[in-house]
N, C-alpha and C. Protein backbone atom coordinates (compact mmCIF):
# COMPACT_ATOMS: atom_id res chain seq x y z
N MET A 1 -105.39 -65.25 -9.77
CA MET A 1 -104.41 -63.87 -9.78
C MET A 1 -105.27 -62.91 -10.66
N ASP A 2 -105.80 -63.36 -12.29
CA ASP A 2 -105.77 -62.35 -13.17
C ASP A 2 -107.05 -61.78 -12.63
N LEU A 3 -107.85 -62.43 -12.06
CA LEU A 3 -109.19 -61.84 -11.36
C LEU A 3 -108.83 -60.69 -10.34
N VAL A 4 -108.02 -60.98 -9.38
CA VAL A 4 -107.57 -60.11 -8.50
C VAL A 4 -106.68 -58.93 -9.26
N LYS A 5 -106.07 -58.75 -10.47
CA LYS A 5 -105.59 -57.72 -11.38
C LYS A 5 -106.49 -57.36 -11.97
N ASN A 6 -107.91 -57.96 -12.79
CA ASN A 6 -109.15 -57.39 -13.30
C ASN A 6 -109.72 -56.46 -12.32
N HIS A 7 -110.21 -57.00 -11.17
CA HIS A 7 -110.91 -56.59 -10.30
C HIS A 7 -109.87 -55.09 -9.68
N LEU A 8 -108.72 -54.79 -9.28
CA LEU A 8 -108.27 -53.95 -9.13
C LEU A 8 -108.00 -53.12 -10.37
N MET A 9 -107.85 -52.91 -11.59
CA MET A 9 -107.89 -52.21 -12.67
C MET A 9 -109.11 -51.75 -12.58
N TYR A 10 -110.21 -52.29 -12.55
CA TYR A 10 -111.43 -51.79 -12.61
C TYR A 10 -111.80 -50.71 -11.67
N ALA A 11 -111.09 -50.81 -10.49
CA ALA A 11 -111.63 -49.96 -9.07
C ALA A 11 -110.49 -49.09 -9.40
N VAL A 12 -108.95 -49.04 -10.09
CA VAL A 12 -108.34 -47.64 -10.64
C VAL A 12 -109.22 -47.09 -11.83
N ARG A 13 -109.38 -47.48 -12.53
CA ARG A 13 -110.41 -46.82 -13.66
C ARG A 13 -111.57 -46.13 -12.98
N GLU A 14 -112.49 -47.09 -12.20
CA GLU A 14 -113.52 -46.13 -11.61
C GLU A 14 -113.22 -44.66 -10.93
N GLU A 15 -111.94 -44.99 -10.20
CA GLU A 15 -111.58 -43.87 -9.24
C GLU A 15 -110.96 -42.77 -10.51
N VAL A 16 -110.44 -43.35 -11.47
CA VAL A 16 -109.77 -42.07 -12.33
C VAL A 16 -111.07 -41.40 -13.09
N GLU A 17 -111.95 -41.89 -13.39
CA GLU A 17 -113.03 -40.92 -13.50
C GLU A 17 -113.82 -40.52 -12.41
N VAL A 18 -113.60 -41.02 -11.55
CA VAL A 18 -114.27 -40.10 -10.57
C VAL A 18 -113.26 -38.88 -10.87
N LEU A 19 -112.15 -39.05 -10.48
CA LEU A 19 -111.26 -38.02 -10.14
C LEU A 19 -111.21 -37.07 -11.27
N LYS A 20 -111.36 -37.77 -12.56
CA LYS A 20 -111.66 -36.54 -13.95
C LYS A 20 -112.45 -35.85 -14.07
N GLU A 21 -113.98 -36.57 -13.21
CA GLU A 21 -115.00 -35.56 -13.23
C GLU A 21 -114.76 -34.32 -12.03
N GLN A 22 -114.60 -34.86 -10.55
CA GLN A 22 -114.31 -33.53 -9.49
C GLN A 22 -112.91 -32.69 -10.46
N ILE A 23 -112.13 -33.44 -11.16
CA ILE A 23 -110.83 -32.21 -11.60
C ILE A 23 -111.74 -31.28 -12.96
N LYS A 24 -113.09 -31.49 -13.37
CA LYS A 24 -113.79 -30.87 -14.87
C LYS A 24 -114.47 -29.80 -13.68
N GLU A 25 -115.36 -30.59 -12.67
CA GLU A 25 -116.26 -29.60 -12.03
C GLU A 25 -115.38 -28.35 -11.34
N LEU A 26 -114.13 -28.69 -10.82
CA LEU A 26 -113.26 -27.87 -10.14
C LEU A 26 -112.47 -26.49 -10.94
N TYR A 27 -112.98 -27.26 -12.23
CA TYR A 27 -111.82 -26.63 -13.67
C TYR A 27 -113.08 -25.66 -14.11
N GLU A 28 -114.33 -26.12 -13.70
CA GLU A 28 -115.15 -24.69 -14.34
C GLU A 28 -115.59 -24.35 -12.73
N ARG A 29 -115.69 -24.47 -11.74
CA ARG A 29 -115.80 -23.61 -10.87
C ARG A 29 -114.80 -22.61 -10.63
N ASN A 30 -113.89 -23.04 -10.72
CA ASN A 30 -112.64 -21.81 -10.94
C ASN A 30 -112.84 -20.60 -12.03
N SER A 31 -113.52 -21.04 -13.27
CA SER A 31 -113.64 -20.03 -14.09
C SER A 31 -114.70 -19.10 -13.78
N VAL A 32 -115.94 -19.85 -13.24
CA VAL A 32 -116.36 -18.65 -12.41
C VAL A 32 -116.02 -17.64 -11.91
N LEU A 33 -115.69 -18.02 -11.18
CA LEU A 33 -114.91 -17.70 -9.61
C LEU A 33 -114.17 -16.59 -10.73
N GLU A 34 -113.25 -17.20 -11.20
CA GLU A 34 -112.45 -15.71 -11.98
C GLU A 34 -113.02 -14.70 -13.05
N ARG A 35 -114.22 -15.56 -13.37
CA ARG A 35 -114.71 -14.22 -14.25
C ARG A 35 -115.50 -13.37 -12.77
N GLU A 36 -116.35 -14.00 -11.94
CA GLU A 36 -116.80 -13.15 -10.80
C GLU A 36 -115.60 -12.19 -10.21
N ASN A 37 -114.93 -12.35 -10.27
CA ASN A 37 -113.70 -11.69 -9.38
C ASN A 37 -113.46 -10.50 -10.60
N ALA A 38 -113.31 -11.09 -11.98
CA ALA A 38 -113.05 -9.53 -12.66
C ALA A 38 -113.85 -8.29 -12.56
N VAL A 39 -115.60 -9.27 -12.77
CA VAL A 39 -116.53 -8.45 -12.57
C VAL A 39 -116.23 -7.17 -11.57
N LEU A 40 -116.25 -7.82 -10.31
CA LEU A 40 -115.93 -6.97 -9.09
C LEU A 40 -115.14 -6.27 -8.59
N LYS A 41 -114.07 -6.64 -9.43
CA LYS A 41 -112.71 -5.46 -9.67
C LYS A 41 -113.33 -4.26 -10.88
N SER A 42 -113.56 -4.65 -11.40
CA SER A 42 -114.05 -3.49 -12.45
C SER A 42 -114.99 -2.42 -11.87
N LEU A 43 -115.75 -3.15 -10.83
CA LEU A 43 -116.40 -2.77 -10.77
C LEU A 43 -116.27 -1.39 -9.19
N ALA A 44 -115.50 -2.09 -8.67
CA ALA A 44 -114.66 -1.67 -7.54
C ALA A 44 -113.90 -0.41 -7.77
N ASN A 45 -113.57 1.28 -6.71
CA ASN A 45 -112.72 1.78 -7.18
C ASN A 45 -111.20 1.47 -6.39
N SER A 46 -110.41 2.65 -6.72
CA SER A 46 -109.28 1.80 -6.10
C SER A 46 -109.30 2.02 -4.85
N GLU A 47 -109.84 3.17 -3.96
CA GLU A 47 -109.43 3.15 -2.38
C GLU A 47 -110.25 1.46 -2.09
N GLN A 48 -111.03 1.10 -2.84
CA GLN A 48 -111.77 -0.19 -2.26
C GLN A 48 -110.85 -1.18 -2.34
N LEU A 49 -110.11 -1.44 -3.32
CA LEU A 49 -109.62 -2.48 -4.15
C LEU A 49 -107.90 -2.51 -2.93
N ASN A 50 -107.29 -1.26 -2.34
CA ASN A 50 -106.35 -1.42 -1.51
C ASN A 50 -107.14 -1.72 0.13
N LYS A 51 -108.29 -0.94 0.08
CA LYS A 51 -108.70 -1.73 1.62
C LYS A 51 -108.74 -2.70 1.55
N LEU A 52 -109.32 -3.67 0.65
CA LEU A 52 -109.11 -5.30 0.56
C LEU A 52 -108.13 -5.66 0.78
N SER A 53 -106.89 -5.21 -0.21
CA SER A 53 -105.32 -5.77 -0.78
C SER A 53 -104.67 -5.75 1.26
N SER A 54 -104.95 -4.82 2.04
CA SER A 54 -104.76 -4.47 2.96
C SER A 54 -105.13 -5.72 3.98
N GLN A 55 -106.16 -5.97 3.86
CA GLN A 55 -107.18 -6.91 4.67
C GLN A 55 -106.50 -7.71 3.99
N LEU A 56 -106.42 -8.41 3.47
CA LEU A 56 -105.94 -9.81 2.85
C LEU A 56 -105.06 -10.53 3.42
N SER A 57 -103.79 -9.29 2.73
CA SER A 57 -102.51 -9.55 3.79
C SER A 57 -102.49 -9.86 5.18
N GLN A 58 -103.49 -8.71 5.85
CA GLN A 58 -103.63 -9.24 7.55
C GLN A 58 -104.10 -10.33 7.92
N VAL A 59 -104.98 -10.66 6.89
CA VAL A 59 -105.49 -12.47 7.14
C VAL A 59 -104.33 -13.49 6.71
N ASN A 60 -103.51 -13.20 5.63
CA ASN A 60 -102.76 -14.50 5.19
C ASN A 60 -101.44 -14.07 6.15
N SER A 61 -101.25 -13.03 6.67
CA SER A 61 -100.15 -13.26 8.12
C SER A 61 -100.53 -13.88 9.28
N VAL A 62 -101.79 -13.62 9.49
CA VAL A 62 -102.64 -14.71 10.74
C VAL A 62 -102.75 -15.66 10.44
N ALA A 63 -102.69 -16.30 9.55
CA ALA A 63 -103.02 -17.60 8.93
C ALA A 63 -101.82 -18.06 8.75
N LEU A 64 -100.48 -17.82 8.64
CA LEU A 64 -99.14 -18.07 8.19
C LEU A 64 -98.78 -18.28 9.93
N GLU A 65 -99.03 -18.10 10.83
CA GLU A 65 -98.74 -17.88 12.37
C GLU A 65 -99.39 -18.82 13.11
N GLU A 66 -100.74 -19.67 12.64
CA GLU A 66 -101.70 -20.39 13.56
C GLU A 66 -101.00 -21.73 12.58
N PRO A 67 -100.79 -22.56 13.46
CA PRO A 67 -100.08 -23.65 12.72
C PRO A 67 -101.88 -24.61 12.40
N GLN A 68 -101.51 -25.17 11.09
CA GLN A 68 -102.61 -25.15 10.13
C GLN A 68 -103.01 -26.93 10.67
N GLU A 69 -103.88 -27.49 11.06
CA GLU A 69 -104.24 -29.04 10.86
C GLU A 69 -104.19 -29.74 9.77
N PRO A 70 -103.58 -30.67 9.39
CA PRO A 70 -103.39 -31.73 8.40
C PRO A 70 -105.02 -31.85 7.66
N GLN A 71 -105.14 -31.57 6.49
CA GLN A 71 -106.36 -32.06 5.65
C GLN A 71 -106.37 -33.66 5.26
N GLU A 72 -107.42 -33.54 5.54
CA GLU A 72 -108.04 -35.30 5.41
C GLU A 72 -107.90 -35.14 3.49
N PRO A 73 -107.47 -36.09 2.73
CA PRO A 73 -108.11 -36.74 1.61
C PRO A 73 -109.29 -36.56 1.00
N VAL A 74 -109.84 -35.82 0.12
CA VAL A 74 -111.19 -36.10 -0.09
C VAL A 74 -111.18 -37.89 -1.11
N THR A 75 -112.05 -38.20 -0.81
CA THR A 75 -112.53 -39.76 -1.98
C THR A 75 -113.81 -39.69 -2.22
N GLY A 76 -113.66 -40.04 -3.68
CA GLY A 76 -114.98 -40.55 -3.86
C GLY A 76 -116.20 -41.30 -3.75
N SER A 77 -115.91 -42.26 -2.64
CA SER A 77 -116.85 -43.09 -2.36
C SER A 77 -117.67 -42.58 -1.48
């Protein structure tokens, strides 16, 4: 019984480490994208921003109308 418990605990710890690494990578990627977004916004004029905003609202309204497929969970294995 202890062998099973130890094996499960090891597997859980290993998965937690994988998930921590994924979270770290996603956090770093998000930071890069936020900086890029800020730079692009600073370079765009108000007309371009308004046009982009209207395009995004159209895309979002279409996406809400379409049924979405369930996403499969991402595993580290």
